[in-house]
N, C-alpha and C. Protein backbone atom coordinates (compact mmCIF):
# COMPACT_ATOMS: atom_id res chain seq x y z
N MET A 1 -53.74 16.68 23.53
CA MET A 1 -54.62 17.18 22.39
C MET A 1 -55.54 16.04 21.88
N ASN A 2 -56.70 15.81 21.81
CA ASN A 2 -57.46 14.82 21.14
C ASN A 2 -57.95 15.20 19.78
N TYR A 3 -57.64 14.46 18.67
CA TYR A 3 -58.08 15.05 17.53
C TYR A 3 -58.49 13.44 17.12
N PRO A 4 -59.44 13.52 16.41
CA PRO A 4 -60.47 14.63 16.15
C PRO A 4 -61.62 14.81 17.29
N PHE A 5 -61.86 15.96 17.57
CA PHE A 5 -62.86 16.43 18.71
C PHE A 5 -64.03 16.22 18.34
N ILE A 6 -64.70 15.32 19.14
CA ILE A 6 -66.05 14.70 18.71
C ILE A 6 -66.86 14.72 20.17
N ILE A 7 -68.21 15.13 19.77
CA ILE A 7 -69.04 15.29 20.73
C ILE A 7 -70.57 14.37 20.48
N HIS A 8 -71.01 13.49 21.24
CA HIS A 8 -71.99 12.64 20.97
C HIS A 8 -73.29 12.90 21.70
N LYS A 9 -74.54 13.21 21.29
CA LYS A 9 -75.59 13.72 21.55
C LYS A 9 -76.50 12.75 20.82
N SER A 10 -77.77 13.12 21.64
CA SER A 10 -79.07 12.56 20.97
C SER A 10 -80.26 13.60 20.71
N VAL A 11 -80.99 13.37 19.78
CA VAL A 11 -82.18 14.34 19.88
C VAL A 11 -83.39 14.27 20.86
N VAL A 12 -83.29 15.29 21.36
CA VAL A 12 -84.35 15.48 22.75
C VAL A 12 -85.69 16.12 22.10
N SER A 13 -86.98 15.75 22.95
CA SER A 13 -88.34 16.13 22.33
C SER A 13 -88.19 17.55 21.82
N SER A 14 -87.87 18.31 23.00
CA SER A 14 -87.91 19.72 22.87
C SER A 14 -87.21 20.63 21.51
N GLN A 15 -86.53 19.46 20.86
CA GLN A 15 -85.81 19.69 19.60
C GLN A 15 -86.48 19.25 18.53
N VAL A 16 -87.68 18.69 18.54
CA VAL A 16 -88.32 18.22 17.25
C VAL A 16 -89.42 19.43 16.98
N ASP A 17 -89.46 19.58 15.55
CA ASP A 17 -90.84 20.53 15.21
C ASP A 17 -91.92 19.99 14.62
N PHE A 18 -92.83 20.60 14.13
CA PHE A 18 -93.97 20.13 13.69
C PHE A 18 -94.14 19.14 12.46
N ASN A 19 -92.71 19.24 11.92
CA ASN A 19 -92.52 18.37 10.77
C ASN A 19 -91.81 16.89 11.20
N GLN A 20 -91.92 16.72 12.46
CA GLN A 20 -91.53 15.66 13.38
C GLN A 20 -89.73 15.26 13.08
N HIS A 21 -89.06 16.22 12.71
CA HIS A 21 -87.65 16.13 13.09
C HIS A 21 -87.06 17.26 13.60
N MET A 22 -85.88 17.22 13.77
CA MET A 22 -85.21 18.09 14.54
C MET A 22 -85.30 19.84 13.66
N HIS A 23 -85.44 20.61 14.59
CA HIS A 23 -85.85 21.90 14.04
C HIS A 23 -84.36 22.57 13.80
N ASP A 24 -84.45 23.46 12.46
CA ASP A 24 -83.42 23.89 11.83
C ASP A 24 -82.52 24.80 13.05
N ALA A 25 -82.96 25.33 13.79
CA ALA A 25 -82.46 26.34 14.66
C ALA A 25 -81.54 25.59 15.75
N GLU A 26 -82.18 24.28 16.02
CA GLU A 26 -81.36 23.38 16.94
C GLU A 26 -80.07 23.01 16.50
N TYR A 27 -79.91 22.78 15.06
CA TYR A 27 -78.54 22.61 14.47
C TYR A 27 -77.60 23.68 14.75
N ASN A 28 -78.10 24.72 14.69
CA ASN A 28 -76.97 25.85 14.77
C ASN A 28 -76.72 26.05 16.52
N SER A 29 -77.57 25.60 17.21
CA SER A 29 -77.36 25.69 18.70
C SER A 29 -76.68 24.67 19.07
N ILE A 30 -76.69 23.30 18.46
CA ILE A 30 -75.79 22.47 18.66
C ILE A 30 -74.19 22.52 18.27
N PHE A 31 -74.28 23.09 17.14
CA PHE A 31 -72.82 23.57 16.38
C PHE A 31 -72.14 24.65 17.45
N SER A 32 -73.36 25.56 18.02
CA SER A 32 -72.40 26.67 18.93
C SER A 32 -72.05 26.11 20.17
N GLU A 33 -72.94 24.91 20.64
CA GLU A 33 -72.41 24.55 22.00
C GLU A 33 -71.22 23.27 21.64
N VAL A 34 -71.05 22.82 20.46
CA VAL A 34 -69.75 22.22 20.38
C VAL A 34 -68.39 23.06 20.28
N ILE A 35 -68.77 24.43 19.59
CA ILE A 35 -67.54 25.28 19.65
C ILE A 35 -67.38 25.55 20.93
N SER A 36 -68.29 25.61 21.90
CA SER A 36 -67.93 26.36 23.21
C SER A 36 -67.49 25.07 23.79
N GLU A 37 -67.64 23.72 23.87
CA GLU A 37 -66.95 22.85 24.39
C GLU A 37 -65.28 22.69 23.91
N PHE A 38 -65.46 22.80 22.81
CA PHE A 38 -64.02 22.87 21.73
C PHE A 38 -63.02 23.68 22.62
N ASN A 39 -63.66 24.91 22.65
CA ASN A 39 -62.93 26.15 23.35
C ASN A 39 -62.60 25.81 24.59
N HIS A 40 -63.64 25.39 25.57
CA HIS A 40 -63.29 25.22 26.80
C HIS A 40 -62.20 24.06 26.99
N TYR A 41 -62.27 23.19 26.20
CA TYR A 41 -61.36 21.91 26.52
C TYR A 41 -59.62 22.60 25.77
N ASN A 42 -59.70 23.74 24.84
CA ASN A 42 -58.39 23.94 24.44
C ASN A 42 -57.80 25.58 25.14
N GLY A 43 -58.27 25.81 26.10
CA GLY A 43 -57.83 26.68 26.77
C GLY A 43 -58.74 28.11 26.97
N LEU A 44 -60.19 28.07 26.52
CA LEU A 44 -60.85 28.92 26.57
C LEU A 44 -62.11 28.75 27.60
N SER A 45 -61.98 28.49 28.71
CA SER A 45 -63.32 27.88 29.51
C SER A 45 -63.68 29.31 30.14
N LEU A 46 -64.54 29.20 30.59
CA LEU A 46 -65.43 30.52 31.09
C LEU A 46 -64.40 31.25 32.14
N LYS A 47 -63.98 30.21 32.90
CA LYS A 47 -63.32 30.77 33.76
C LYS A 47 -61.96 31.42 33.43
N GLU A 48 -61.22 30.78 32.44
CA GLU A 48 -60.16 31.58 31.77
C GLU A 48 -60.74 33.01 30.91
N ARG A 49 -61.65 33.00 30.57
CA ARG A 49 -62.15 34.06 29.60
C ARG A 49 -62.34 35.02 30.75
N GLU A 50 -62.88 34.73 31.70
CA GLU A 50 -63.15 35.90 33.00
C GLU A 50 -61.71 36.58 33.25
N ALA A 51 -60.67 35.52 33.51
CA ALA A 51 -59.58 35.85 34.08
C ALA A 51 -58.90 36.90 33.16
N LEU A 52 -59.12 36.61 31.84
CA LEU A 52 -58.30 37.36 30.66
C LEU A 52 -58.95 38.29 30.06
N ASN A 53 -60.21 38.36 30.51
CA ASN A 53 -61.14 39.49 29.78
C ASN A 53 -61.40 39.25 28.29
N TYR A 54 -61.43 38.10 27.95
CA TYR A 54 -61.45 37.77 26.45
C TYR A 54 -62.66 36.68 26.20
N THR A 55 -63.29 36.72 24.89
CA THR A 55 -63.91 35.84 24.51
C THR A 55 -63.89 35.64 23.29
N THR A 56 -64.73 34.81 22.61
CA THR A 56 -64.87 34.87 21.06
C THR A 56 -66.41 35.23 20.35
N PHE A 57 -66.42 35.68 19.32
CA PHE A 57 -67.70 36.04 18.89
C PHE A 57 -67.67 35.00 17.58
N THR A 58 -68.97 34.69 17.10
CA THR A 58 -69.21 34.10 15.66
C THR A 58 -69.39 35.24 14.70
N VAL A 59 -68.68 35.54 13.69
CA VAL A 59 -68.71 36.62 12.49
C VAL A 59 -69.44 36.12 11.60
N GLU A 60 -69.33 34.89 11.07
CA GLU A 60 -69.97 34.26 10.08
C GLU A 60 -70.32 32.90 10.32
N GLU A 61 -71.49 32.18 9.88
CA GLU A 61 -71.95 31.05 9.64
C GLU A 61 -72.69 30.65 8.63
N HIS A 62 -72.49 29.37 8.22
CA HIS A 62 -73.16 28.74 7.08
C HIS A 62 -73.60 27.09 7.56
N THR A 63 -74.86 27.05 7.50
CA THR A 63 -75.32 25.52 7.62
C THR A 63 -75.76 24.99 6.44
N THR A 64 -75.55 23.73 6.28
CA THR A 64 -76.14 22.82 5.28
C THR A 64 -76.82 21.57 5.80
N TYR A 65 -78.06 21.66 5.41
CA TYR A 65 -78.91 20.28 6.08
C TYR A 65 -79.00 19.45 5.01
N LEU A 66 -78.58 18.10 5.41
CA LEU A 66 -78.24 17.22 4.29
C LEU A 66 -79.37 15.97 4.51
N LYS A 67 -79.59 15.46 5.78
CA LYS A 67 -80.49 14.41 6.56
C LYS A 67 -81.27 14.58 7.56
N GLU A 68 -82.45 14.40 7.64
CA GLU A 68 -83.37 14.52 8.74
C GLU A 68 -82.87 13.79 9.89
N LEU A 69 -82.86 14.19 11.46
CA LEU A 69 -82.74 13.54 12.59
C LEU A 69 -84.24 13.78 13.02
N HIS A 70 -84.37 12.45 13.83
CA HIS A 70 -85.64 12.34 14.33
C HIS A 70 -85.60 12.16 16.07
N PHE A 71 -86.45 12.43 16.62
CA PHE A 71 -86.31 12.38 18.32
C PHE A 71 -85.78 11.06 18.77
N GLU A 72 -84.97 11.10 19.57
CA GLU A 72 -84.19 10.20 20.35
C GLU A 72 -82.85 9.55 19.28
N GLU A 73 -82.82 10.12 18.11
CA GLU A 73 -81.60 9.45 17.51
C GLU A 73 -80.47 10.20 17.77
N SER A 74 -79.41 9.06 17.64
CA SER A 74 -78.11 9.52 18.47
C SER A 74 -77.32 10.26 17.18
N PHE A 75 -76.36 11.04 17.39
CA PHE A 75 -75.45 11.75 16.42
C PHE A 75 -73.96 12.03 17.15
N SER A 76 -73.36 12.30 15.89
CA SER A 76 -71.87 13.06 16.60
C SER A 76 -71.73 14.04 15.84
N VAL A 77 -70.66 15.14 16.72
CA VAL A 77 -70.56 16.13 15.63
C VAL A 77 -68.81 16.24 15.77
N ARG A 78 -68.01 16.48 14.62
CA ARG A 78 -66.68 16.56 14.50
C ARG A 78 -66.53 17.85 14.19
N VAL A 79 -65.22 18.41 14.86
CA VAL A 79 -64.60 19.61 14.62
C VAL A 79 -63.49 19.48 13.82
N ARG A 80 -63.50 20.14 13.09
CA ARG A 80 -62.21 20.57 11.75
C ARG A 80 -61.83 21.93 11.81
N ILE A 81 -60.52 22.43 11.78
CA ILE A 81 -59.95 23.49 11.48
C ILE A 81 -59.67 23.88 10.03
N TYR A 82 -60.12 24.71 9.51
CA TYR A 82 -59.86 24.93 8.19
C TYR A 82 -58.74 25.64 7.80
N ASP A 83 -58.58 26.98 8.85
CA ASP A 83 -57.83 27.82 8.69
C ASP A 83 -57.66 28.71 10.11
N TYR A 84 -56.67 29.38 10.33
CA TYR A 84 -56.62 30.29 11.32
C TYR A 84 -55.79 31.45 11.34
N ASP A 85 -55.69 32.37 11.99
CA ASP A 85 -54.70 33.50 12.17
C ASP A 85 -54.63 33.95 13.67
N GLU A 86 -54.04 34.78 14.09
CA GLU A 86 -53.68 35.48 15.30
C GLU A 86 -54.88 35.68 16.28
N LYS A 87 -56.36 36.02 15.35
CA LYS A 87 -57.57 36.20 16.26
C LYS A 87 -58.83 35.68 15.34
N ARG A 88 -58.40 34.73 14.54
CA ARG A 88 -59.78 34.39 13.77
C ARG A 88 -59.26 32.63 13.65
N VAL A 89 -60.42 31.85 13.59
CA VAL A 89 -60.44 30.70 13.50
C VAL A 89 -61.74 30.08 12.63
N HIS A 90 -61.27 29.51 11.47
CA HIS A 90 -62.32 28.92 10.50
C HIS A 90 -62.72 27.54 10.71
N PHE A 91 -63.89 27.40 11.38
CA PHE A 91 -64.20 25.99 11.50
C PHE A 91 -64.80 25.41 10.81
N PHE A 92 -64.67 24.02 10.47
CA PHE A 92 -65.81 23.37 9.92
C PHE A 92 -66.30 22.40 10.60
N LEU A 93 -67.57 22.29 11.10
CA LEU A 93 -68.14 21.16 11.82
C LEU A 93 -68.84 20.08 10.99
N GLU A 94 -69.13 18.75 11.17
CA GLU A 94 -69.92 17.87 10.51
C GLU A 94 -70.52 17.15 11.46
N LEU A 95 -71.83 16.87 11.10
CA LEU A 95 -72.84 16.19 12.29
C LEU A 95 -73.08 14.65 11.52
N PHE A 96 -72.90 13.81 12.12
CA PHE A 96 -73.14 12.57 11.28
C PHE A 96 -74.16 11.62 12.18
N LYS A 97 -74.89 11.04 11.31
CA LYS A 97 -75.84 9.80 12.11
C LYS A 97 -74.86 8.80 12.62
N ASN A 98 -75.47 7.85 13.50
CA ASN A 98 -74.60 6.84 14.06
C ASN A 98 -74.24 5.90 12.82
N ASP A 99 -74.94 5.75 11.66
CA ASP A 99 -74.43 4.95 10.42
C ASP A 99 -73.25 5.59 9.71
N GLU A 100 -72.97 6.77 10.12
CA GLU A 100 -71.79 7.75 9.79
C GLU A 100 -72.20 8.28 8.28
N THR A 101 -73.78 8.63 8.06
CA THR A 101 -74.16 9.38 7.16
C THR A 101 -73.92 10.85 7.49
N LEU A 102 -73.43 11.60 6.68
CA LEU A 102 -73.24 13.21 7.26
C LEU A 102 -74.89 13.54 6.94
N ALA A 103 -75.09 14.03 8.08
CA ALA A 103 -76.53 14.68 8.24
C ALA A 103 -76.47 16.29 7.87
N ALA A 104 -75.57 17.09 8.51
CA ALA A 104 -75.41 18.63 8.34
C ALA A 104 -74.14 19.05 8.70
N THR A 105 -73.69 19.99 8.00
CA THR A 105 -72.32 20.75 8.30
C THR A 105 -72.68 22.03 8.75
N SER A 106 -71.43 22.95 9.19
CA SER A 106 -71.51 23.92 9.72
C SER A 106 -69.98 24.68 9.54
N GLU A 107 -70.02 25.59 8.68
CA GLU A 107 -68.76 26.42 8.40
C GLU A 107 -68.96 27.63 9.45
N ILE A 108 -68.16 28.11 10.22
CA ILE A 108 -68.12 29.06 11.15
C ILE A 108 -66.79 29.90 11.33
N MET A 109 -66.82 31.15 11.03
CA MET A 109 -65.57 31.99 11.56
C MET A 109 -65.73 32.36 12.93
N MET A 110 -64.99 32.32 13.68
CA MET A 110 -65.00 33.17 15.32
C MET A 110 -63.63 34.07 15.21
N MET A 111 -64.12 34.86 15.85
CA MET A 111 -63.31 35.94 16.11
C MET A 111 -62.95 36.16 17.53
N GLY A 112 -61.56 36.53 18.21
CA GLY A 112 -60.96 36.48 19.55
C GLY A 112 -61.60 37.91 19.83
N ILE A 113 -61.92 38.54 20.89
CA ILE A 113 -62.71 39.74 21.42
C ILE A 113 -62.09 40.03 22.67
N ASN A 114 -61.56 41.35 22.75
CA ASN A 114 -61.26 41.82 24.25
C ASN A 114 -62.46 42.24 24.76
N ARG A 115 -62.89 41.70 25.99
CA ARG A 115 -64.18 42.11 26.49
C ARG A 115 -64.47 43.48 26.92
N LEU A 116 -63.13 43.96 27.26
CA LEU A 116 -63.25 45.45 27.89
C LEU A 116 -63.55 46.28 26.82
N THR A 117 -62.67 46.12 25.67
CA THR A 117 -63.05 47.15 24.34
C THR A 117 -64.13 46.71 23.55
N ARG A 118 -64.51 45.18 23.54
CA ARG A 118 -65.37 44.81 22.63
C ARG A 118 -64.93 44.86 21.23
N ARG A 119 -63.45 44.64 20.89
CA ARG A 119 -62.95 45.14 19.67
C ARG A 119 -62.04 43.52 19.48
N PRO A 120 -61.92 43.21 18.20
CA PRO A 120 -60.96 42.13 18.09
C PRO A 120 -59.78 42.32 18.42
N ALA A 121 -59.09 40.82 19.18
CA ALA A 121 -58.10 40.89 19.82
C ALA A 121 -57.04 39.54 19.46
N SER A 122 -55.83 39.36 19.70
CA SER A 122 -55.12 38.01 19.25
C SER A 122 -55.30 37.20 20.46
N PHE A 123 -55.49 35.96 19.76
CA PHE A 123 -55.87 34.81 20.94
C PHE A 123 -54.70 34.61 22.00
N PRO A 124 -55.17 34.33 23.38
CA PRO A 124 -54.15 33.81 24.22
C PRO A 124 -53.19 32.98 23.46
N ALA A 125 -51.95 33.13 24.09
CA ALA A 125 -50.81 32.36 23.53
C ALA A 125 -51.00 30.67 23.64
N HIS A 126 -51.71 30.48 24.90
CA HIS A 126 -51.92 28.86 24.88
C HIS A 126 -53.17 28.33 24.06
N TYR A 127 -54.40 29.35 23.87
CA TYR A 127 -55.05 28.86 23.01
C TYR A 127 -54.69 28.53 21.61
N LYS A 128 -53.93 29.77 21.22
CA LYS A 128 -53.51 29.66 19.94
C LYS A 128 -52.39 28.65 19.67
N SER A 129 -51.62 28.18 20.42
CA SER A 129 -50.90 27.11 20.28
C SER A 129 -51.78 25.75 20.30
N ASN A 130 -52.80 25.65 20.77
CA ASN A 130 -53.63 24.51 21.04
C ASN A 130 -54.35 24.44 19.24
N ILE A 131 -54.73 25.50 18.94
CA ILE A 131 -55.06 25.71 17.63
C ILE A 131 -54.25 25.18 16.62
N GLN A 132 -53.02 25.68 16.87
CA GLN A 132 -52.06 25.10 15.96
C GLN A 132 -51.78 23.60 15.93
N ILE A 133 -51.66 23.00 16.95
CA ILE A 133 -51.44 21.74 17.22
C ILE A 133 -52.47 20.83 16.66
N TYR A 134 -53.94 21.44 16.99
CA TYR A 134 -55.25 20.59 16.42
C TYR A 134 -55.03 20.98 14.82
N TYR A 135 -54.93 21.94 14.46
CA TYR A 135 -54.53 22.02 12.81
C TYR A 135 -53.77 21.07 12.41
N ASP A 136 -52.37 21.22 12.76
CA ASP A 136 -51.21 20.28 12.51
C ASP A 136 -51.69 18.78 12.22
N SER A 137 -52.61 18.41 13.31
CA SER A 137 -52.95 16.95 13.57
C SER A 137 -53.93 16.60 12.43
N GLN A 138 -54.65 17.27 11.62
CA GLN A 138 -55.37 17.16 10.56
C GLN A 138 -54.87 16.65 9.23
N TYR A 139 -53.77 15.83 9.07
CA TYR A 139 -52.96 15.62 7.98
C TYR A 139 -53.84 14.72 7.12
N ASP A 140 -53.65 14.62 5.93
CA ASP A 140 -54.25 14.34 4.69
C ASP A 140 -55.90 14.68 4.75
N GLN A 141 -56.15 16.03 4.96
CA GLN A 141 -57.55 16.28 5.05
C GLN A 141 -58.18 16.63 3.29
N ARG A 142 -59.13 15.92 3.38
CA ARG A 142 -60.12 16.16 2.06
C ARG A 142 -61.18 16.82 2.57
N TRP A 143 -60.99 18.25 1.91
CA TRP A 143 -62.44 19.06 2.46
C TRP A 143 -63.34 19.00 1.62
N PRO A 144 -64.48 19.02 2.18
CA PRO A 144 -65.74 18.65 1.41
C PRO A 144 -66.29 19.75 0.32
N LYS A 145 -66.95 19.70 -0.48
CA LYS A 145 -67.66 20.64 -1.64
C LYS A 145 -68.26 21.53 -0.76
N SER A 146 -68.93 21.29 0.16
CA SER A 146 -69.72 22.00 0.83
C SER A 146 -69.00 23.34 1.71
N LEU A 147 -67.64 23.24 1.68
CA LEU A 147 -66.82 24.01 2.45
C LEU A 147 -66.86 25.36 1.58
N GLY A 148 -67.24 26.56 1.89
CA GLY A 148 -67.28 27.88 1.21
C GLY A 148 -68.36 27.96 0.16
N HIS A 149 -69.32 27.06 0.54
CA HIS A 149 -70.65 26.91 -0.49
C HIS A 149 -71.23 28.34 -0.48
N GLN A 150 -71.56 28.58 -1.61
CA GLN A 150 -72.46 29.84 -1.85
C GLN A 150 -74.08 29.38 -2.26
N ILE A 151 -74.93 30.29 -1.47
CA ILE A 151 -76.14 29.80 -1.80
C ILE A 151 -76.49 30.52 -2.93
N GLY A 152 -77.51 29.74 -3.55
CA GLY A 152 -77.87 30.40 -5.11
C GLY A 152 -78.76 29.25 -5.77
N ILE A 153 -79.78 29.81 -6.54
CA ILE A 153 -80.41 28.69 -7.51
C ILE A 153 -79.93 28.75 -8.85
N PRO A 154 -79.57 27.48 -8.89
CA PRO A 154 -78.83 27.31 -10.31
C PRO A 154 -79.87 27.36 -11.38
N LYS A 155 -79.21 28.08 -12.68
CA LYS A 155 -79.85 28.49 -14.00
C LYS A 155 -80.13 26.98 -14.60
N LYS A 156 -81.09 26.96 -15.40
CA LYS A 156 -81.20 25.89 -16.27
C LYS A 156 -79.94 25.60 -16.90
N GLY A 157 -79.65 24.26 -17.03
CA GLY A 157 -78.46 24.06 -17.83
C GLY A 157 -77.08 23.76 -16.74
N GLU A 158 -77.17 24.32 -15.64
CA GLU A 158 -76.06 24.31 -14.57
C GLU A 158 -76.32 23.13 -13.78
N ALA A 159 -75.51 22.51 -13.23
CA ALA A 159 -75.44 21.57 -12.36
C ALA A 159 -75.27 22.11 -10.82
């Protein structure tokens, strides 16, 4: 079990928008790919999903954009698990620039799904075990203020 699970990438030209920075949709695509790689590594590869008639769905997601990323800029994404149960994992991903500046975060709730019934289903035992091991490896966590962040426009006088 590798903790933390980190994926390294660089911004490619197709991800850059007319503002000359990475398009907002690309962040979500990257975060989704990282979760897929994490799941693959931890017991839910496409082959395993096929054999088990099992998959995961994103049921909720919230992204914060903190710093711009530009063409050819390298970055890393780190996976953290805030909570989990029999069929859900509450992920928190952080995207860092090379200088360790936090550029974006993604809070994601994933749910296990039986592919035959298309209904929620408990995680396969080996995957749940790996999730628990990963979760337990996150000792001394300091969770960022953006975890559970609610969108809103502050009223005058509020911070």
